[in-house]
């Protein structure tokens, strides 16, 4: 019984010690416009990602602990830097050979509105980058308006303080460039 208690204590300690938090701010720039009003080269609202990881055992997959996401939040920033919650329908995280990837997808459809959005945030071992696609169609005053474009952006790791009190978009862009 003592051995079992020690093992439980060790595993709890390991999970606590190995928890990790990640704060990223990505600056998306329109790279391709297929349809609509977006302008190539324009900068969109910054994307901010918060992820908290923990090490967990899943004996159906491995005898080794695996890094899993225990908390995940997305935000968009407005011109003043205020964070607005941003949700996506599906989210996946994977990690292999030093490469890390967050993949998100969102879709919504009514009789007069259709929206499909992807967001990918990747780490290749050196830098974080993000990319995405937006495809939207909306009927307004009996007229069909479409937007369909892709974007790409570099991401920057933030401190907890920078995450809690984000700079306005232009100030942050100037700070990192």
N, C-alpha and C. Protein backbone atom coordinates (compact mmCIF):
# COMPACT_ATOMS: atom_id res chain seq x y z
N UNK A 1 0.83 -1.18 0.00
CA UNK A 1 0.00 0.00 0.00
C UNK A 1 0.88 1.26 0.00
N UNK A 2 1.99 1.23 0.78
CA UNK A 2 2.91 2.36 0.82
C UNK A 2 3.49 2.63 -0.57
N UNK A 3 3.85 1.56 -1.29
CA UNK A 3 4.41 1.72 -2.62
C UNK A 3 3.41 2.36 -3.56
N UNK A 4 2.15 1.95 -3.46
CA UNK A 4 1.09 2.51 -4.30
C UNK A 4 0.91 4.00 -3.99
N UNK A 5 0.92 4.37 -2.71
CA UNK A 5 0.80 5.78 -2.32
C UNK A 5 1.98 6.60 -2.84
N UNK A 6 3.19 6.05 -2.73
CA UNK A 6 4.36 6.75 -3.25
C UNK A 6 4.30 6.92 -4.76
N UNK A 7 3.84 5.90 -5.45
CA UNK A 7 3.70 5.98 -6.91
C UNK A 7 2.68 7.07 -7.28
N UNK A 8 1.56 7.09 -6.57
CA UNK A 8 0.53 8.10 -6.84
C UNK A 8 1.09 9.50 -6.58
N UNK A 9 1.82 9.67 -5.47
CA UNK A 9 2.43 10.96 -5.15
C UNK A 9 3.41 11.37 -6.24
N UNK A 10 4.25 10.45 -6.68
CA UNK A 10 5.23 10.73 -7.73
C UNK A 10 4.55 11.15 -9.02
N UNK A 11 3.51 10.44 -9.42
CA UNK A 11 2.79 10.80 -10.65
C UNK A 11 2.14 12.16 -10.53
N UNK A 12 1.55 12.47 -9.39
CA UNK A 12 0.95 13.78 -9.17
C UNK A 12 2.01 14.86 -9.24
N UNK A 13 3.15 14.63 -8.60
CA UNK A 13 4.25 15.58 -8.63
C UNK A 13 4.75 15.77 -10.05
N UNK A 14 4.88 14.70 -10.80
CA UNK A 14 5.34 14.77 -12.19
C UNK A 14 4.38 15.61 -13.02
N UNK A 15 3.07 15.38 -12.87
CA UNK A 15 2.09 16.16 -13.63
C UNK A 15 2.17 17.63 -13.25
N UNK A 16 2.35 17.94 -11.99
CA UNK A 16 2.41 19.32 -11.55
C UNK A 16 3.67 20.00 -12.07
N UNK A 17 4.79 19.33 -11.97
CA UNK A 17 6.05 19.90 -12.38
C UNK A 17 6.11 20.11 -13.88
N UNK A 18 5.52 19.23 -14.64
CA UNK A 18 5.65 19.29 -16.09
C UNK A 18 4.55 20.08 -16.78
N UNK A 19 3.70 20.79 -16.03
CA UNK A 19 2.69 21.60 -16.71
C UNK A 19 3.38 22.79 -17.36
N UNK A 20 2.84 23.23 -18.44
CA UNK A 20 3.44 24.28 -19.25
C UNK A 20 2.33 25.17 -19.79
N UNK A 21 2.60 26.46 -19.88
CA UNK A 21 1.64 27.39 -20.48
C UNK A 21 2.30 28.04 -21.69
N UNK A 22 1.48 28.32 -22.70
CA UNK A 22 1.97 28.93 -23.93
C UNK A 22 1.06 30.10 -24.27
N UNK A 23 1.67 31.24 -24.53
CA UNK A 23 0.95 32.44 -24.95
C UNK A 23 1.55 32.86 -26.29
N UNK A 24 0.71 32.94 -27.33
CA UNK A 24 1.17 33.34 -28.66
C UNK A 24 0.31 34.47 -29.20
N UNK A 25 0.94 35.36 -29.94
CA UNK A 25 0.20 36.41 -30.66
C UNK A 25 0.65 36.34 -32.11
N UNK A 26 -0.33 36.15 -33.01
CA UNK A 26 -0.04 36.00 -34.43
C UNK A 26 -0.58 37.20 -35.19
N UNK A 27 0.19 37.66 -36.17
CA UNK A 27 -0.20 38.81 -36.98
C UNK A 27 -0.52 38.31 -38.39
N UNK A 28 -1.82 38.12 -38.71
CA UNK A 28 -2.19 37.59 -40.03
C UNK A 28 -2.22 38.67 -41.11
N UNK A 29 -1.57 38.34 -42.22
CA UNK A 29 -1.54 39.24 -43.38
C UNK A 29 -2.16 38.50 -44.57
N UNK A 30 -3.12 39.14 -45.25
CA UNK A 30 -3.81 38.54 -46.38
C UNK A 30 -2.79 38.25 -47.49
N UNK A 31 -2.74 37.00 -47.95
CA UNK A 31 -1.78 36.60 -48.98
C UNK A 31 -2.43 36.34 -50.32
N UNK A 32 -3.68 35.91 -50.32
CA UNK A 32 -4.37 35.60 -51.58
C UNK A 32 -5.86 35.92 -51.44
N UNK A 33 -6.37 36.67 -52.41
CA UNK A 33 -7.80 37.00 -52.43
C UNK A 33 -8.40 36.33 -53.66
N UNK A 34 -9.32 35.42 -53.42
CA UNK A 34 -10.00 34.74 -54.52
C UNK A 34 -11.30 35.46 -54.89
N UNK A 35 -11.93 36.07 -53.91
CA UNK A 35 -13.19 36.78 -54.12
C UNK A 35 -13.40 37.75 -52.98
N UNK A 36 -14.03 38.87 -53.27
CA UNK A 36 -14.47 39.75 -52.21
C UNK A 36 -13.67 41.01 -52.04
N UNK A 37 -13.81 41.58 -50.85
CA UNK A 37 -13.31 42.92 -50.58
C UNK A 37 -11.98 42.94 -49.85
N UNK A 38 -11.47 41.84 -49.41
CA UNK A 38 -10.18 41.82 -48.74
C UNK A 38 -9.09 42.28 -49.70
N UNK A 39 -8.08 42.94 -49.16
CA UNK A 39 -6.98 43.43 -49.99
C UNK A 39 -5.71 42.66 -49.64
N UNK A 40 -5.03 42.19 -50.67
CA UNK A 40 -3.78 41.47 -50.48
C UNK A 40 -2.80 42.37 -49.72
N UNK A 41 -2.16 41.83 -48.69
CA UNK A 41 -1.21 42.59 -47.89
C UNK A 41 -1.81 43.26 -46.67
N UNK A 42 -3.14 43.32 -46.58
CA UNK A 42 -3.74 43.96 -45.41
C UNK A 42 -3.60 43.06 -44.18
N UNK A 43 -3.49 43.69 -43.04
CA UNK A 43 -3.31 42.97 -41.78
C UNK A 43 -4.66 42.84 -41.09
N UNK A 44 -4.99 41.62 -40.69
CA UNK A 44 -6.25 41.34 -40.01
C UNK A 44 -6.08 41.50 -38.50
N UNK A 45 -7.17 41.34 -37.77
CA UNK A 45 -7.09 41.36 -36.30
C UNK A 45 -6.11 40.28 -35.85
N UNK A 46 -5.27 40.62 -34.89
CA UNK A 46 -4.29 39.66 -34.40
C UNK A 46 -5.00 38.50 -33.71
N UNK A 47 -4.42 37.32 -33.82
CA UNK A 47 -4.93 36.13 -33.14
C UNK A 47 -4.05 35.86 -31.93
N UNK A 48 -4.68 35.61 -30.78
CA UNK A 48 -3.93 35.28 -29.57
C UNK A 48 -4.38 33.90 -29.11
N UNK A 49 -3.41 33.06 -28.81
CA UNK A 49 -3.69 31.70 -28.35
C UNK A 49 -3.12 31.54 -26.95
N UNK A 50 -3.92 30.94 -26.07
CA UNK A 50 -3.46 30.55 -24.75
C UNK A 50 -3.67 29.05 -24.65
N UNK A 51 -2.63 28.32 -24.29
CA UNK A 51 -2.74 26.87 -24.11
C UNK A 51 -2.01 26.47 -22.84
N UNK A 52 -2.64 25.59 -22.10
CA UNK A 52 -2.02 25.02 -20.92
C UNK A 52 -1.91 23.52 -21.16
N UNK A 53 -0.73 22.98 -20.92
CA UNK A 53 -0.45 21.57 -21.18
C UNK A 53 -0.22 20.84 -19.87
N UNK A 54 -0.45 19.54 -19.91
CA UNK A 54 -0.07 18.68 -18.79
C UNK A 54 0.35 17.34 -19.36
N UNK A 55 1.10 16.62 -18.56
CA UNK A 55 1.53 15.29 -18.95
C UNK A 55 0.53 14.29 -18.35
N UNK A 56 0.02 13.39 -19.20
CA UNK A 56 -0.95 12.40 -18.75
C UNK A 56 -0.56 11.03 -19.28
N UNK A 57 -0.93 10.03 -18.52
CA UNK A 57 -0.75 8.66 -18.98
C UNK A 57 -2.03 8.20 -19.67
N UNK A 58 -1.86 7.59 -20.82
CA UNK A 58 -2.96 6.90 -21.50
C UNK A 58 -2.38 5.55 -21.92
N UNK A 59 -2.61 4.55 -21.10
CA UNK A 59 -2.00 3.25 -21.34
C UNK A 59 -2.53 2.55 -22.58
N UNK A 60 -3.64 3.06 -23.15
CA UNK A 60 -4.12 2.49 -24.42
C UNK A 60 -3.23 2.93 -25.58
N UNK A 61 -2.42 4.01 -25.36
CA UNK A 61 -1.55 4.51 -26.42
C UNK A 61 -0.08 4.24 -26.16
N UNK A 62 0.34 4.38 -24.87
CA UNK A 62 1.77 4.26 -24.58
C UNK A 62 1.98 4.08 -23.08
N UNK A 63 3.15 3.53 -22.75
CA UNK A 63 3.55 3.44 -21.34
C UNK A 63 4.21 4.74 -20.88
N UNK A 64 4.45 5.65 -21.79
CA UNK A 64 5.08 6.93 -21.48
C UNK A 64 4.00 8.01 -21.35
N UNK A 65 4.22 8.99 -20.49
CA UNK A 65 3.25 10.09 -20.39
C UNK A 65 3.25 10.92 -21.68
N UNK A 66 2.08 11.41 -22.06
CA UNK A 66 1.92 12.20 -23.28
C UNK A 66 1.51 13.62 -22.91
N UNK A 67 2.01 14.60 -23.66
CA UNK A 67 1.62 15.98 -23.43
C UNK A 67 0.24 16.20 -24.03
N UNK A 68 -0.69 16.68 -23.22
CA UNK A 68 -2.04 16.97 -23.68
C UNK A 68 -2.40 18.42 -23.33
N UNK A 69 -3.35 18.96 -24.05
CA UNK A 69 -3.83 20.32 -23.79
C UNK A 69 -4.94 20.23 -22.75
N UNK A 70 -4.75 20.90 -21.62
CA UNK A 70 -5.78 20.89 -20.59
C UNK A 70 -6.66 22.14 -20.65
N UNK A 71 -6.17 23.21 -21.29
CA UNK A 71 -6.95 24.43 -21.45
C UNK A 71 -6.50 25.10 -22.74
N UNK A 72 -7.47 25.58 -23.52
CA UNK A 72 -7.16 26.21 -24.81
C UNK A 72 -8.14 27.33 -25.05
N UNK A 73 -7.62 28.54 -25.30
CA UNK A 73 -8.47 29.69 -25.57
C UNK A 73 -7.90 30.48 -26.74
N UNK A 74 -8.80 31.02 -27.55
CA UNK A 74 -8.43 31.87 -28.68
C UNK A 74 -9.07 33.24 -28.51
N UNK A 75 -8.35 34.26 -28.97
CA UNK A 75 -8.85 35.63 -28.91
C UNK A 75 -8.49 36.34 -30.21
N UNK A 76 -9.29 37.34 -30.57
CA UNK A 76 -8.96 38.31 -31.61
C UNK A 76 -8.72 39.63 -30.89
N UNK A 77 -7.80 40.44 -31.40
CA UNK A 77 -7.58 41.75 -30.79
C UNK A 77 -8.11 42.81 -31.73
N UNK A 78 -8.70 43.86 -31.15
CA UNK A 78 -9.13 44.98 -31.98
C UNK A 78 -7.98 45.98 -32.08
N UNK A 79 -8.21 47.10 -32.75
CA UNK A 79 -7.13 48.06 -32.98
C UNK A 79 -6.54 48.59 -31.68
N UNK A 80 -7.33 48.64 -30.61
CA UNK A 80 -6.85 49.14 -29.32
C UNK A 80 -6.16 48.06 -28.50
N UNK A 81 -6.16 46.81 -28.98
CA UNK A 81 -5.50 45.71 -28.28
C UNK A 81 -6.42 44.93 -27.37
N UNK A 82 -7.70 45.32 -27.29
CA UNK A 82 -8.64 44.60 -26.44
C UNK A 82 -8.88 43.20 -27.01
N UNK A 83 -8.84 42.20 -26.12
CA UNK A 83 -9.04 40.81 -26.53
C UNK A 83 -10.53 40.49 -26.54
N UNK A 84 -11.00 39.91 -27.64
CA UNK A 84 -12.36 39.40 -27.74
C UNK A 84 -12.28 37.90 -27.91
N UNK A 85 -13.08 37.16 -27.15
CA UNK A 85 -13.05 35.70 -27.26
C UNK A 85 -13.41 35.29 -28.68
N UNK A 86 -12.76 34.25 -29.13
CA UNK A 86 -12.90 33.75 -30.50
C UNK A 86 -12.99 32.24 -30.38
N UNK A 87 -14.10 31.69 -30.82
CA UNK A 87 -14.24 30.23 -30.67
C UNK A 87 -14.30 29.56 -32.04
N UNK A 88 -13.84 28.34 -32.06
CA UNK A 88 -13.86 27.52 -33.26
C UNK A 88 -14.57 26.22 -32.90
N UNK A 89 -15.23 25.60 -33.89
CA UNK A 89 -15.98 24.37 -33.65
C UNK A 89 -15.08 23.22 -33.21
N UNK A 90 -13.96 23.05 -33.92
CA UNK A 90 -13.08 21.92 -33.62
C UNK A 90 -11.65 22.41 -33.41
N UNK A 91 -10.93 21.71 -32.54
CA UNK A 91 -9.54 22.05 -32.27
C UNK A 91 -8.76 20.76 -32.07
N UNK A 92 -7.57 20.68 -32.68
CA UNK A 92 -6.69 19.53 -32.54
C UNK A 92 -5.29 20.02 -32.21
N UNK A 93 -4.59 19.25 -31.40
CA UNK A 93 -3.19 19.55 -31.09
C UNK A 93 -2.38 18.29 -31.35
N UNK A 94 -1.22 18.46 -31.97
CA UNK A 94 -0.33 17.32 -32.17
C UNK A 94 1.11 17.77 -31.98
N UNK A 95 1.94 16.81 -31.59
CA UNK A 95 3.35 17.09 -31.38
C UNK A 95 4.14 15.86 -31.81
N UNK A 96 5.07 16.07 -32.76
CA UNK A 96 5.90 14.97 -33.26
C UNK A 96 7.26 15.50 -33.64
N UNK A 97 8.28 14.84 -33.18
CA UNK A 97 9.67 15.15 -33.55
C UNK A 97 10.00 16.64 -33.43
N UNK A 98 9.55 17.28 -32.37
CA UNK A 98 9.85 18.69 -32.15
C UNK A 98 8.91 19.66 -32.85
N UNK A 99 8.10 19.17 -33.77
CA UNK A 99 7.12 20.02 -34.44
C UNK A 99 5.81 19.99 -33.65
N UNK A 100 5.20 21.15 -33.51
CA UNK A 100 3.94 21.25 -32.77
C UNK A 100 2.91 21.92 -33.67
N UNK A 101 1.65 21.50 -33.53
CA UNK A 101 0.62 22.02 -34.42
C UNK A 101 -0.73 22.12 -33.71
N UNK A 102 -1.36 23.28 -33.86
CA UNK A 102 -2.75 23.49 -33.45
C UNK A 102 -3.55 23.68 -34.73
N UNK A 103 -4.62 22.93 -34.89
CA UNK A 103 -5.47 23.04 -36.08
C UNK A 103 -6.90 23.28 -35.63
N UNK A 104 -7.51 24.33 -36.17
CA UNK A 104 -8.86 24.72 -35.81
C UNK A 104 -9.72 24.82 -37.06
N UNK A 105 -11.00 24.56 -36.89
CA UNK A 105 -11.95 24.67 -38.00
C UNK A 105 -13.29 25.16 -37.44
N UNK A 106 -13.96 26.01 -38.21
CA UNK A 106 -15.25 26.54 -37.78
C UNK A 106 -16.14 26.70 -39.01
N UNK A 107 -17.40 26.33 -38.84
CA UNK A 107 -18.34 26.55 -39.94
C UNK A 107 -19.71 26.84 -39.38
N UNK A 108 -20.44 27.70 -40.11
CA UNK A 108 -21.77 28.11 -39.69
C UNK A 108 -22.57 28.38 -40.96
N UNK A 109 -23.84 27.98 -40.96
CA UNK A 109 -24.64 28.15 -42.18
C UNK A 109 -26.12 28.39 -41.83
N UNK A 110 -26.71 29.38 -42.49
CA UNK A 110 -28.15 29.61 -42.44
C UNK A 110 -28.63 29.77 -43.88
N UNK A 111 -29.89 30.14 -44.07
CA UNK A 111 -30.41 30.33 -45.43
C UNK A 111 -29.76 31.51 -46.15
N UNK A 112 -29.29 32.51 -45.39
CA UNK A 112 -28.73 33.71 -46.02
C UNK A 112 -27.27 33.98 -45.64
N UNK A 113 -26.65 33.04 -44.96
CA UNK A 113 -25.28 33.25 -44.52
C UNK A 113 -24.54 31.92 -44.47
N UNK A 114 -23.29 31.92 -44.98
CA UNK A 114 -22.45 30.72 -44.93
C UNK A 114 -21.03 31.17 -44.58
N UNK A 115 -20.43 30.47 -43.63
CA UNK A 115 -19.10 30.86 -43.15
C UNK A 115 -18.27 29.60 -42.90
N UNK A 116 -17.05 29.58 -43.41
CA UNK A 116 -16.11 28.49 -43.16
C UNK A 116 -14.75 29.12 -42.88
N UNK A 117 -14.10 28.71 -41.79
CA UNK A 117 -12.87 29.33 -41.35
C UNK A 117 -11.91 28.25 -40.86
N UNK A 118 -10.66 28.34 -41.27
CA UNK A 118 -9.62 27.46 -40.73
C UNK A 118 -8.52 28.32 -40.13
N UNK A 119 -7.85 27.76 -39.13
CA UNK A 119 -6.72 28.41 -38.48
C UNK A 119 -5.73 27.33 -38.11
N UNK A 120 -4.49 27.50 -38.52
CA UNK A 120 -3.41 26.57 -38.20
C UNK A 120 -2.27 27.36 -37.58
N UNK A 121 -1.78 26.88 -36.45
CA UNK A 121 -0.63 27.50 -35.78
C UNK A 121 0.40 26.39 -35.61
N UNK A 122 1.59 26.60 -36.17
CA UNK A 122 2.60 25.54 -36.22
C UNK A 122 3.95 26.03 -35.72
N UNK A 123 4.68 25.11 -35.09
CA UNK A 123 6.04 25.35 -34.63
C UNK A 123 6.93 24.29 -35.26
N UNK A 124 7.96 24.73 -35.99
CA UNK A 124 8.83 23.79 -36.69
C UNK A 124 10.11 23.49 -35.93
N UNK A 125 10.18 23.93 -34.69
CA UNK A 125 11.40 23.76 -33.90
C UNK A 125 12.16 25.06 -33.78
N UNK A 126 11.83 26.04 -34.61
CA UNK A 126 12.51 27.33 -34.57
C UNK A 126 11.58 28.51 -34.39
N UNK A 127 10.50 28.55 -35.17
CA UNK A 127 9.57 29.68 -35.11
C UNK A 127 8.12 29.20 -35.15
N UNK A 128 7.25 30.04 -34.63
CA UNK A 128 5.81 29.81 -34.71
C UNK A 128 5.26 30.60 -35.89
N UNK A 129 4.40 29.97 -36.68
CA UNK A 129 3.71 30.65 -37.78
C UNK A 129 2.24 30.24 -37.76
N UNK A 130 1.43 31.05 -38.42
CA UNK A 130 0.00 30.75 -38.49
C UNK A 130 -0.48 30.97 -39.92
N UNK A 131 -1.57 30.30 -40.25
CA UNK A 131 -2.18 30.48 -41.57
C UNK A 131 -3.65 30.16 -41.44
N UNK A 132 -4.41 30.61 -42.43
CA UNK A 132 -5.83 30.33 -42.38
C UNK A 132 -6.52 30.68 -43.68
N UNK A 133 -7.76 30.26 -43.76
CA UNK A 133 -8.63 30.54 -44.90
C UNK A 133 -9.97 30.99 -44.36
N UNK A 134 -10.57 31.95 -45.04
CA UNK A 134 -11.91 32.41 -44.70
C UNK A 134 -12.73 32.37 -45.98
N UNK A 135 -13.88 31.72 -45.92
CA UNK A 135 -14.82 31.64 -47.03
C UNK A 135 -16.19 32.01 -46.47
N UNK A 136 -16.72 33.15 -46.94
CA UNK A 136 -17.98 33.64 -46.41
C UNK A 136 -18.88 34.10 -47.55
N UNK A 137 -20.15 33.78 -47.46
CA UNK A 137 -21.15 34.26 -48.42
C UNK A 137 -22.35 34.75 -47.61
N UNK A 138 -22.87 35.92 -48.01
CA UNK A 138 -23.97 36.52 -47.28
C UNK A 138 -24.91 37.21 -48.26
N UNK A 139 -26.21 37.04 -48.03
CA UNK A 139 -27.22 37.71 -48.84
C UNK A 139 -27.65 38.97 -48.09
N UNK A 140 -27.49 40.12 -48.76
CA UNK A 140 -27.92 41.40 -48.20
C UNK A 140 -28.68 42.17 -49.27
N UNK A 141 -29.91 42.57 -48.96
CA UNK A 141 -30.76 43.32 -49.90
C UNK A 141 -30.87 42.61 -51.24
N UNK A 142 -31.11 41.29 -51.18
CA UNK A 142 -31.26 40.45 -52.38
C UNK A 142 -30.00 40.42 -53.25
N UNK A 143 -28.85 40.65 -52.67
CA UNK A 143 -27.59 40.60 -53.39
C UNK A 143 -26.64 39.66 -52.64
N UNK A 144 -25.94 38.81 -53.37
CA UNK A 144 -25.00 37.87 -52.78
C UNK A 144 -23.61 38.49 -52.71
N UNK A 145 -23.06 38.59 -51.50
CA UNK A 145 -21.70 39.10 -51.29
C UNK A 145 -20.83 37.94 -50.83
N UNK A 146 -19.64 37.82 -51.42
CA UNK A 146 -18.73 36.73 -51.06
C UNK A 146 -17.36 37.29 -50.68
N UNK A 147 -16.76 36.63 -49.73
CA UNK A 147 -15.37 36.87 -49.35
C UNK A 147 -14.69 35.52 -49.26
N UNK A 148 -13.56 35.38 -49.94
CA UNK A 148 -12.82 34.14 -49.91
C UNK A 148 -11.34 34.51 -50.04
N UNK A 149 -10.59 34.33 -48.95
CA UNK A 149 -9.18 34.70 -48.97
C UNK A 149 -8.38 33.84 -48.01
N UNK A 150 -7.06 33.87 -48.20
CA UNK A 150 -6.11 33.15 -47.34
C UNK A 150 -5.19 34.17 -46.69
N UNK A 151 -4.64 33.78 -45.55
CA UNK A 151 -3.70 34.65 -44.85
C UNK A 151 -2.58 33.82 -44.22
N UNK A 152 -1.49 34.50 -43.91
CA UNK A 152 -0.33 33.88 -43.28
C UNK A 152 0.25 34.90 -42.30
N UNK A 153 0.80 34.42 -41.19
CA UNK A 153 1.39 35.37 -40.26
C UNK A 153 2.41 34.73 -39.35
N UNK A 154 3.35 35.53 -38.92
CA UNK A 154 4.34 35.09 -37.94
C UNK A 154 3.72 35.24 -36.55
N UNK A 155 4.09 34.33 -35.65
CA UNK A 155 3.58 34.37 -34.28
C UNK A 155 4.73 34.64 -33.32
N UNK A 156 4.39 35.27 -32.22
CA UNK A 156 5.39 35.65 -31.23
C UNK A 156 4.94 35.16 -29.86
N UNK A 157 5.89 34.58 -29.11
CA UNK A 157 5.56 34.14 -27.76
C UNK A 157 5.46 35.35 -26.85
N UNK A 158 4.45 35.33 -26.00
CA UNK A 158 4.20 36.42 -25.06
C UNK A 158 4.50 35.96 -23.64
N UNK A 159 4.75 36.92 -22.77
CA UNK A 159 4.79 36.62 -21.35
C UNK A 159 3.36 36.67 -20.83
N UNK A 160 3.16 36.19 -19.63
CA UNK A 160 1.83 36.24 -19.03
C UNK A 160 1.35 37.69 -18.90
N UNK A 161 2.26 38.59 -18.56
CA UNK A 161 1.92 40.01 -18.42
C UNK A 161 1.50 40.61 -19.78
N UNK A 162 2.23 40.28 -20.84
CA UNK A 162 1.88 40.77 -22.17
C UNK A 162 0.53 40.20 -22.63
N UNK A 163 0.23 38.98 -22.21
CA UNK A 163 -1.06 38.36 -22.54
C UNK A 163 -2.20 39.08 -21.81
N UNK A 164 -2.01 39.37 -20.53
CA UNK A 164 -3.06 39.99 -19.73
C UNK A 164 -3.31 41.44 -20.13
N UNK A 165 -2.28 42.15 -20.55
CA UNK A 165 -2.40 43.56 -20.95
C UNK A 165 -1.82 43.75 -22.35
N UNK A 166 -2.54 43.29 -23.39
CA UNK A 166 -1.97 43.36 -24.74
C UNK A 166 -1.85 44.79 -25.28
N UNK A 167 -0.81 45.00 -26.06
CA UNK A 167 -0.61 46.27 -26.73
C UNK A 167 -1.64 46.41 -27.86
N UNK A 168 -1.96 47.64 -28.26
CA UNK A 168 -2.77 47.83 -29.47
C UNK A 168 -2.05 47.18 -30.67
N UNK A 169 -2.83 46.77 -31.66
CA UNK A 169 -2.27 46.04 -32.81
C UNK A 169 -1.10 46.76 -33.47
N UNK A 170 -1.26 48.06 -33.77
CA UNK A 170 -0.18 48.80 -34.45
C UNK A 170 1.07 48.89 -33.58
N UNK A 171 0.89 49.11 -32.28
CA UNK A 171 2.05 49.19 -31.37
C UNK A 171 2.78 47.85 -31.29
N UNK A 172 2.02 46.76 -31.22
CA UNK A 172 2.65 45.43 -31.17
C UNK A 172 3.40 45.15 -32.47
N UNK A 173 2.78 45.47 -33.61
CA UNK A 173 3.41 45.27 -34.93
C UNK A 173 4.73 46.04 -34.99
N UNK A 174 4.72 47.30 -34.54
CA UNK A 174 5.95 48.12 -34.55
C UNK A 174 6.99 47.54 -33.59
N UNK A 175 6.55 47.01 -32.45
CA UNK A 175 7.45 46.44 -31.45
C UNK A 175 8.21 45.23 -31.98
N UNK A 176 7.55 44.37 -32.76
CA UNK A 176 8.19 43.14 -33.24
C UNK A 176 8.90 43.32 -34.59
N UNK A 177 8.67 44.42 -35.25
CA UNK A 177 9.33 44.67 -36.56
C UNK A 177 10.40 45.71 -36.48
